[in-house]
Protein backbone atom coordinates (compact mmCIF):
# COMPACT_ATOMS: atom_id res chain seq x y z
CA MET A 1 -36.68 0.11 3.76
CA ALA A 2 -33.82 1.25 0.87
CA THR A 3 -30.43 1.36 2.21
CA SER A 4 -29.50 4.79 2.07
CA LYS A 5 -32.31 5.80 4.76
CA PRO A 6 -30.76 4.16 7.76
CA SER A 7 -27.30 5.69 7.05
CA VAL A 8 -28.76 8.88 6.85
CA SER A 9 -30.85 8.54 10.10
CA GLN A 10 -27.75 7.35 11.91
CA LEU A 11 -25.54 10.16 10.80
CA ALA A 12 -28.24 12.52 12.36
CA ARG A 13 -28.31 10.58 15.64
CA ILE A 14 -24.61 10.24 16.13
CA PRO A 15 -24.33 13.29 19.12
CA ARG A 16 -22.50 16.20 18.20
CA GLY A 17 -19.09 15.53 20.17
CA VAL A 18 -18.44 12.48 18.10
CA TRP A 19 -18.35 14.76 15.00
CA ALA A 20 -16.21 17.07 16.74
CA LEU A 21 -13.45 14.38 17.87
CA GLY A 22 -13.66 12.93 13.95
CA PHE A 23 -12.80 16.86 12.63
CA VAL A 24 -10.05 17.21 15.42
CA SER A 25 -8.66 13.94 14.16
CA MET A 26 -8.90 14.67 10.71
CA PHE A 27 -6.84 18.20 11.03
CA MET A 28 -4.37 16.25 13.13
CA ASP A 29 -4.03 13.90 10.38
CA ILE A 30 -3.45 16.21 7.64
CA SER A 31 -0.66 17.76 9.61
CA SER A 32 1.00 14.39 10.36
CA GLU A 33 0.63 12.64 7.13
CA MET A 34 1.88 15.56 5.25
CA ILE A 35 4.95 15.09 7.28
CA HIS A 36 4.85 11.18 7.29
CA ALA A 37 4.10 10.30 3.76
CA LEU A 38 7.57 12.03 2.93
CA LEU A 39 9.52 11.04 5.95
CA PRO A 40 10.96 7.43 5.34
CA ILE A 41 12.25 8.72 1.62
CA TYR A 42 13.65 12.04 3.37
CA LEU A 43 15.50 9.56 5.93
CA VAL A 44 16.55 7.24 3.19
CA VAL A 45 17.23 9.57 -0.06
CA VAL A 46 18.22 12.57 1.52
CA LEU A 47 20.05 11.38 5.10
CA GLY A 48 20.73 7.92 3.66
CA THR A 49 19.44 5.99 6.40
CA SER A 50 18.62 2.23 5.53
CA ALA A 51 15.51 0.45 5.44
CA LEU A 52 16.19 -1.21 9.00
CA THR A 53 16.70 2.40 10.39
CA VAL A 54 13.49 3.35 9.42
CA GLY A 55 11.66 0.27 10.73
CA LEU A 56 13.86 0.93 14.15
CA ILE A 57 12.23 4.54 13.94
CA GLU A 58 8.95 3.96 13.14
CA GLY A 59 9.05 0.71 15.66
CA ILE A 60 10.17 2.83 18.41
CA ALA A 61 7.73 5.97 17.84
CA GLU A 62 4.72 3.60 17.66
CA ALA A 63 5.67 1.92 20.84
CA THR A 64 5.86 4.79 22.96
CA ALA A 65 2.71 6.58 21.83
CA SER A 66 0.96 3.02 23.01
CA ILE A 67 3.18 2.80 26.18
CA THR A 68 1.94 6.08 27.03
CA LYS A 69 -1.75 5.00 26.09
CA ILE A 70 -1.97 2.83 28.90
CA PHE A 71 -1.30 5.43 31.67
CA SER A 72 -3.45 8.19 29.89
CA GLY A 73 -6.29 5.64 29.95
CA ALA A 74 -5.91 4.64 32.92
CA LEU A 75 -5.51 8.24 34.55
CA SER A 76 -8.18 9.34 32.44
CA ASP A 77 -10.90 6.85 34.18
CA TRP A 78 -9.31 7.57 37.81
CA LEU A 79 -9.72 11.52 36.87
CA GLY A 80 -12.92 11.48 34.95
CA LYS A 81 -11.63 13.90 32.73
CA ARG A 82 -10.87 12.56 29.51
CA LYS A 83 -11.18 15.72 27.21
CA LEU A 84 -8.20 17.32 29.55
CA LEU A 85 -5.95 14.55 28.86
CA ALA A 86 -6.81 14.38 25.09
CA ALA A 87 -6.40 18.02 24.51
CA ILE A 88 -2.74 17.94 26.54
CA GLY A 89 -1.82 15.15 23.64
CA TYR A 90 -3.03 17.01 20.89
CA GLY A 91 -0.97 19.95 21.99
CA LEU A 92 2.29 18.59 22.63
CA ALA A 93 1.63 16.95 18.87
CA ALA A 94 0.91 20.67 17.67
CA PHE A 95 3.91 22.01 19.37
CA THR A 96 6.24 19.52 18.42
CA LYS A 97 5.54 19.75 14.37
CA PRO A 98 8.07 22.79 14.25
CA ILE A 99 10.93 20.20 14.95
CA PHE A 100 10.69 18.37 11.65
CA PRO A 101 11.50 21.23 9.09
CA LEU A 102 14.01 22.79 11.80
CA ALA A 103 15.83 19.36 12.49
CA THR A 104 19.23 18.93 10.52
CA SER A 105 20.19 15.28 11.45
CA VAL A 106 18.43 11.89 12.27
CA SER A 107 18.73 12.19 15.83
CA TRP A 108 16.59 15.23 15.53
CA LEU A 109 14.32 13.72 13.73
CA VAL A 110 13.96 10.65 15.99
CA ALA A 111 13.48 13.17 18.88
CA ALA A 112 10.43 14.95 16.95
CA ARG A 113 8.87 11.39 16.26
CA PHE A 114 9.54 10.33 19.97
CA ILE A 115 7.81 13.63 21.40
CA ASP A 116 5.05 13.50 18.68
CA ARG A 117 4.15 9.92 19.48
CA ILE A 118 4.21 10.61 23.38
CA GLY A 119 1.48 13.59 22.07
CA LYS A 120 -0.24 10.53 20.49
CA GLY A 121 -0.23 8.47 23.16
CA ILE A 122 -1.50 10.84 26.08
CA ARG A 123 -4.37 11.51 23.73
CA GLY A 124 -5.71 8.26 22.07
CA ALA A 125 -7.06 6.28 24.94
CA PRO A 126 -8.83 9.10 26.43
CA ARG A 127 -10.30 10.36 22.97
CA ASP A 128 -11.50 6.73 22.26
CA ALA A 129 -13.45 6.39 25.92
CA LEU A 130 -14.76 9.80 25.18
CA VAL A 131 -16.35 8.23 21.80
CA ALA A 132 -17.51 5.39 23.80
CA ASP A 133 -18.96 7.45 26.45
CA ILE A 134 -20.80 9.89 24.22
CA ALA A 135 -21.95 7.33 21.63
CA PRO A 136 -25.24 5.64 22.69
CA PRO A 137 -24.85 1.66 22.54
CA GLU A 138 -26.55 0.95 19.63
CA LEU A 139 -24.68 3.75 17.22
CA ARG A 140 -21.25 2.78 18.83
CA GLY A 141 -20.23 1.53 15.52
CA ALA A 142 -21.31 3.75 13.75
CA SER A 143 -19.88 6.44 15.84
CA PHE A 144 -16.53 4.78 15.76
CA GLY A 145 -16.67 4.06 11.93
CA LEU A 146 -17.44 8.00 11.60
CA ARG A 147 -14.56 9.22 13.68
CA GLN A 148 -11.98 6.68 11.76
CA SER A 149 -13.54 7.96 8.87
CA LEU A 150 -12.75 11.64 9.60
CA ASP A 151 -9.51 10.37 10.77
CA THR A 152 -8.81 8.70 7.75
CA VAL A 153 -9.77 11.64 5.28
CA GLY A 154 -6.95 13.86 6.95
CA ALA A 155 -5.03 11.24 6.10
CA PHE A 156 -5.27 11.39 2.48
CA LEU A 157 -5.58 14.95 2.36
CA GLY A 158 -2.10 15.21 4.24
CA PRO A 159 -0.41 13.24 1.61
CA LEU A 160 -2.29 14.87 -1.23
CA ALA A 161 -1.45 18.37 0.16
CA ALA A 162 2.38 16.93 0.30
CA ILE A 163 2.11 15.88 -3.44
CA GLY A 164 1.21 19.52 -4.69
CA LEU A 165 3.52 21.37 -2.55
CA MET A 166 6.59 19.32 -3.27
CA ALA A 167 5.89 19.39 -6.82
CA ALA A 168 5.30 23.05 -6.87
CA SER A 169 8.34 23.76 -4.69
CA GLY A 170 10.80 21.57 -6.53
CA ASP A 171 10.97 18.63 -3.99
CA ASN A 172 11.54 21.27 -1.01
CA PHE A 173 10.92 19.02 2.08
CA GLN A 174 11.23 21.53 4.89
CA LEU A 175 8.70 23.67 3.21
CA VAL A 176 6.00 20.93 3.17
CA PHE A 177 7.05 20.25 7.01
CA TRP A 178 6.59 24.10 7.86
CA ILE A 179 2.97 24.18 6.23
CA ALA A 180 1.92 20.92 8.26
CA VAL A 181 2.14 23.19 11.07
CA VAL A 182 -0.82 24.93 10.25
CA PRO A 183 -3.50 22.15 10.62
CA ALA A 184 -1.90 20.73 13.90
CA PHE A 185 -3.02 24.08 15.79
CA ILE A 186 -6.20 23.71 14.06
CA ALA A 187 -6.97 20.45 15.62
CA PHE A 188 -5.35 21.86 19.17
CA GLY A 189 -7.95 24.56 18.64
CA LEU A 190 -10.85 22.39 17.88
CA MET A 191 -10.12 20.11 20.70
CA VAL A 192 -9.87 22.65 23.32
CA PHE A 193 -12.97 24.66 22.08
CA GLY A 194 -15.23 22.22 20.07
CA VAL A 195 -15.10 19.39 22.60
CA GLU A 196 -17.07 18.91 25.44
CA GLU A 197 -16.68 16.21 28.51
CA PRO A 198 -19.84 14.41 28.88
CA ALA A 199 -21.95 15.65 31.84
CA LYS A 200 -21.20 12.54 34.20
CA HIS A 201 -17.51 13.45 33.94
CA GLU A 202 -18.02 17.10 34.53
CA GLU A 203 -19.84 16.26 37.63
CA GLY A 204 -17.52 14.25 38.75
CA VAL A 205 -17.28 10.95 40.74
CA LYS A 206 -15.57 9.09 43.72
CA LYS A 207 -12.14 8.25 42.49
CA PRO A 208 -10.97 5.12 43.33
CA PRO A 209 -7.22 4.40 43.76
CA LEU A 210 -5.16 3.20 40.79
CA ARG A 211 -4.67 0.01 40.74
CA PHE A 212 -3.05 -3.03 38.81
CA ALA A 213 -5.51 -5.56 40.31
CA ASP A 214 -8.41 -3.27 38.33
CA ALA A 215 -7.26 -5.26 35.37
CA LYS A 216 -9.20 -8.08 36.69
CA LYS A 217 -12.26 -6.64 36.10
CA LEU A 218 -11.03 -6.71 32.04
CA LYS A 219 -12.86 -10.27 31.31
CA GLY A 220 -11.76 -13.12 28.86
CA ALA A 221 -13.55 -11.51 25.68
CA PHE A 222 -11.53 -8.33 26.11
CA TRP A 223 -8.26 -9.96 26.42
CA ALA A 224 -9.00 -12.21 23.43
CA VAL A 225 -9.87 -9.04 21.31
CA VAL A 226 -6.45 -7.67 22.51
CA ALA A 227 -4.54 -10.77 21.51
CA VAL A 228 -5.79 -11.09 18.04
CA ALA A 229 -5.16 -7.38 17.44
CA SER A 230 -1.87 -7.76 18.71
CA VAL A 231 -0.86 -10.64 16.04
CA LEU A 232 -2.86 -8.60 13.73
CA THR A 233 -0.68 -5.73 14.26
CA LEU A 234 2.68 -7.95 14.13
CA ALA A 235 1.64 -8.42 10.50
CA ARG A 236 0.62 -4.88 9.69
CA PHE A 237 4.18 -3.15 10.18
CA SER A 238 4.32 0.37 9.82
CA GLU A 239 2.89 1.74 6.63
CA ALA A 240 6.35 3.26 6.24
CA PHE A 241 7.04 0.22 4.32
CA LEU A 242 3.88 1.23 1.75
CA VAL A 243 5.97 4.20 1.21
CA LEU A 244 9.34 2.36 0.43
CA ARG A 245 7.53 0.08 -2.04
CA ALA A 246 6.45 3.07 -3.99
CA GLN A 247 9.95 3.78 -4.56
CA ASN A 248 10.99 0.72 -5.03
CA VAL A 249 8.77 0.15 -7.85
CA GLY A 250 9.74 3.23 -9.53
CA PHE A 251 7.39 6.03 -8.40
CA PRO A 252 8.84 9.84 -8.75
CA ILE A 253 9.79 11.09 -5.30
CA ALA A 254 7.32 14.19 -5.39
CA PHE A 255 4.31 11.64 -6.26
CA ILE A 256 5.23 8.88 -3.91
CA PRO A 257 2.43 10.37 -1.39
CA ALA A 258 -0.18 9.19 -3.93
CA PHE A 259 0.29 5.79 -2.37
CA MET A 260 -1.11 6.67 0.83
CA VAL A 261 -3.51 8.92 -0.66
CA VAL A 262 -5.05 6.44 -2.57
CA MET A 263 -4.71 3.87 0.47
CA ASN A 264 -6.33 6.36 2.64
CA ILE A 265 -9.30 7.21 0.45
CA VAL A 266 -10.36 3.65 0.32
CA TYR A 267 -10.10 3.72 4.14
CA ALA A 268 -12.00 6.60 4.47
CA LEU A 269 -14.83 5.29 2.49
CA SER A 270 -15.05 1.79 3.99
CA ALA A 271 -14.54 2.67 7.69
CA TYR A 272 -18.30 3.84 8.61
CA PRO A 273 -20.12 1.48 6.50
CA ALA A 274 -18.26 -1.10 8.14
CA GLY A 275 -19.20 0.13 11.55
CA VAL A 276 -22.65 0.47 10.05
CA LEU A 277 -22.64 -3.21 9.16
CA SER A 278 -21.26 -4.44 12.77
CA ASP A 279 -24.15 -2.63 14.52
CA ARG A 280 -26.41 -4.55 12.33
CA PHE A 281 -24.53 -7.98 11.68
CA GLY A 282 -22.33 -8.24 14.65
CA ARG A 283 -18.53 -7.59 14.83
CA TYR A 284 -16.71 -10.93 13.83
CA VAL A 285 -17.49 -11.43 10.28
CA VAL A 286 -16.84 -7.89 8.79
CA LEU A 287 -13.72 -7.96 11.06
CA MET A 288 -12.57 -11.70 9.43
CA ALA A 289 -13.36 -10.40 5.86
CA GLY A 290 -11.15 -7.24 6.64
CA ILE A 291 -8.38 -9.52 7.84
CA VAL A 292 -8.45 -11.84 4.66
CA LEU A 293 -8.06 -8.32 2.70
CA LEU A 294 -4.50 -7.94 4.45
CA ILE A 295 -3.24 -11.29 3.46
CA VAL A 296 -4.79 -10.44 -0.37
CA ALA A 297 -2.97 -6.98 -0.23
CA ASP A 298 0.12 -8.28 1.27
CA LEU A 299 0.45 -10.93 -1.66
CA ILE A 300 -0.10 -8.77 -4.35
CA LEU A 301 2.63 -5.95 -2.79
CA ALA A 302 4.89 -9.11 -2.94
CA TRP A 303 4.36 -10.28 -6.53
CA GLY A 304 3.83 -7.14 -7.93
CA ASN A 305 6.76 -5.14 -8.91
CA THR A 306 4.95 -2.62 -11.22
CA ILE A 307 3.37 0.70 -10.30
CA PRO A 308 -0.24 -0.71 -10.93
CA MET A 309 0.33 -3.94 -9.09
CA ALA A 310 1.46 -2.12 -5.98
CA LEU A 311 -1.34 0.52 -6.17
CA LEU A 312 -3.87 -2.61 -6.42
CA GLY A 313 -2.22 -3.92 -3.55
CA VAL A 314 -2.64 -0.39 -1.33
CA VAL A 315 -6.15 -0.52 -2.48
CA PHE A 316 -6.50 -3.78 -0.48
CA TRP A 317 -4.61 -2.59 2.39
CA GLY A 318 -6.88 0.56 2.75
CA LEU A 319 -10.18 -1.94 2.47
CA HIS A 320 -8.53 -4.06 5.08
CA MET A 321 -7.75 -0.99 7.46
CA GLY A 322 -11.60 0.36 6.85
CA LEU A 323 -13.02 -3.02 7.86
CA THR A 324 -10.80 -3.65 10.98
CA GLN A 325 -9.37 -0.68 12.94
CA GLY A 326 -13.15 0.94 13.80
CA LEU A 327 -14.19 -2.37 14.42
CA LEU A 328 -11.52 -3.21 16.94
CA ALA A 329 -11.71 -0.17 19.00
CA THR A 330 -15.51 -1.08 18.90
CA LEU A 331 -15.08 -4.38 20.31
CA VAL A 332 -12.79 -2.90 23.13
CA ALA A 333 -15.84 -0.67 24.11
CA ASP A 334 -17.98 -3.83 23.86
CA THR A 335 -15.97 -5.72 26.41
CA ALA A 336 -14.59 -3.35 28.80
CA PRO A 337 -16.57 -1.83 31.99
CA PRO A 338 -17.58 1.75 31.13
CA GLU A 339 -15.46 2.79 34.35
CA LEU A 340 -12.50 0.98 32.83
CA ARG A 341 -12.82 1.90 29.06
CA GLY A 342 -9.94 4.38 29.36
CA THR A 343 -7.64 1.69 30.74
CA ALA A 344 -8.92 -0.92 28.33
CA PHE A 345 -8.05 1.20 25.46
CA GLY A 346 -4.47 1.77 27.14
CA VAL A 347 -3.94 -1.67 27.59
CA PHE A 348 -5.23 -2.04 24.08
CA ASN A 349 -2.88 0.30 22.38
CA PHE A 350 0.16 -0.68 24.54
CA ALA A 351 -0.15 -4.41 23.21
CA GLY A 352 -0.49 -3.27 19.70
CA GLY A 353 2.44 -0.76 19.96
CA ILE A 354 5.00 -3.51 21.47
CA ALA A 355 3.62 -5.55 18.45
CA MET A 356 4.34 -2.57 16.20
CA LEU A 357 7.84 -2.64 17.50
CA PHE A 358 8.68 -5.86 16.39
CA ALA A 359 6.78 -5.61 13.26
CA SER A 360 8.84 -2.93 12.22
CA LEU A 361 12.29 -4.28 13.12
CA ILE A 362 11.30 -7.47 11.74
CA ALA A 363 9.89 -5.99 8.43
CA GLY A 364 13.01 -3.68 8.16
CA GLY A 365 15.53 -6.48 8.76
CA LEU A 366 13.75 -8.61 6.20
CA TRP A 367 13.44 -5.72 3.43
CA ASP A 368 17.37 -5.23 4.16
CA ALA A 369 18.32 -8.65 3.95
CA TYR A 370 16.05 -10.44 1.41
CA GLY A 371 14.07 -7.61 -0.44
CA PRO A 372 10.62 -6.50 -0.33
CA ALA A 373 8.64 -9.59 -1.41
CA ALA A 374 10.22 -11.05 2.35
CA THR A 375 8.70 -8.42 4.00
CA PHE A 376 4.91 -8.83 2.50
CA TYR A 377 5.08 -12.64 2.50
CA ALA A 378 6.07 -12.58 6.31
CA GLY A 379 2.82 -9.90 6.55
CA ALA A 380 0.72 -12.39 4.83
CA ALA A 381 1.57 -15.62 6.85
CA ILE A 382 1.32 -13.80 10.39
CA THR A 383 -1.85 -12.40 9.20
CA ALA A 384 -3.29 -16.17 8.54
CA VAL A 385 -2.57 -16.71 12.06
CA ALA A 386 -4.47 -13.82 13.42
CA LEU A 387 -7.65 -15.12 10.90
CA ALA A 388 -7.33 -18.59 12.97
CA GLY A 389 -7.25 -17.00 16.03
CA LEU A 390 -10.02 -14.88 15.55
CA VAL A 391 -11.80 -17.99 13.99
CA ILE A 392 -11.45 -19.34 17.94
CA VAL A 393 -12.60 -16.34 19.93
CA ARG A 394 -15.87 -15.93 17.46
CA ALA A 395 -16.81 -19.30 18.65
CA ARG A 396 -16.22 -18.43 22.24
CA TYR A 397 -17.49 -14.88 22.48
CA SER A 398 -19.76 -13.98 19.36
CA ALA A 399 -22.52 -13.70 21.13
CA ARG A 400 -21.44 -11.04 23.53
CA ALA A 401 -20.16 -9.09 20.35
CA ALA A 402 -23.25 -9.24 18.32
C-alpha cells in the first residue's frame, strides 16, 4: 500500500472534535505568538531588562501554567466536564490579551503573562484529556499529532503576522499587540460553540472524592514518562532565548519573529507524521530520534554566530519539537487510567512547569554571565542525560507503549 493512502485514511477517521480542538489551539496560538515573538525583544530593547529577567518572567509564567494544570486536570476527572474547564481557560486567555498593548511597565507585562498562563493552565490538561477521550486508541498518536500540528500552524502564522505588521507599522509593538486580540476571541468562540463534550461525560458518572491517594493508580510507566519529560524540559528552556539568539546574531528587530516562523513551520510539518509513525512502530524510537535532534540544535546554536547557522539550529529545534511533544502527550494517555487522564496530564504538566522555571533561570543566568554559547552547551548536556534516561525507560516499558 502506498504511504499516502494510510495518512489520508487516518485523517478522515480522526473525530471532528479533535479537529475542532486543533483549530481552537491554532487561533489561540496565532494570538499568543504574535505577542510572544516580540515580547522578549520589547522587554530587552524597549524596557531595558536583562536576559535573566526575561528568563525569570518566562519561567514564572510557565510554572504558573503548569501548577494550575495539576488542579484543573484533577477537577476535570472529578466533574466529568472537561469542555467547561477548557472553555474557562481559553476565555481567561482571550480577555487578558488587551493588557499587553495597554501595559506601560514591566510589572504590567508580568501580570499579563501571569494571568494569561493561568488561562493556559486551566485549559491544558482538560483539553489533552478531551483528545484522549475522543480519539480511538488506534488513532491516538495521529490525533495528538494532528492537534499539535494545527496548534503549531498558529505558532508560525502568529510570528509571520507580527513580521508583516511590524514592517508595515514602523515597529509599532502596541499595534501588533492589539491586533493579536482578535484571533484569541475567535478561539474562545470556537471552543464554546464548536467542541462537544464526549457522551460519557455528558451523561455523568458517580463522582468519587478528590484524593491525593489516587496518584497511586498512576503506575511506574507513567512516572517514568514524567521523569524523562521533566529532564528534557530542563534542557529545552524557554523559546524566548531563540528570539534573543536571533537578535544576538544580527537579525533586524522587525524580522526577528522569522526565527519562530521557521521553527514552527518545521514543527507543524513533522508533528502529525511523527504521531502516525508512533502508532505503527511504537513511541520510543521516534521519541529518541527527536531528543537527538535537540542535541544537534543546541550545538549548532552554540557554535553558529551567523544568521544562516542560527536558522539551521532553529530548523533542528523545530524537528525536535515535532518528534517529541505530541508523543510525550500520547505516552501520558497510553500509560494513565482513562478515569485519571486529566489528573495525569496535570501532573505531567506540573512537573514540566517546575522544570521550565529552573531551565529558564539557568539559561538566563548562563547567558548573562558567559554568553549565548554557554546556554546552548548546557542544554545539549542536559538533553544527553534525558536521552540516557529514555533508553533505560524503553528497556523496561517499551512493550506497553508499542
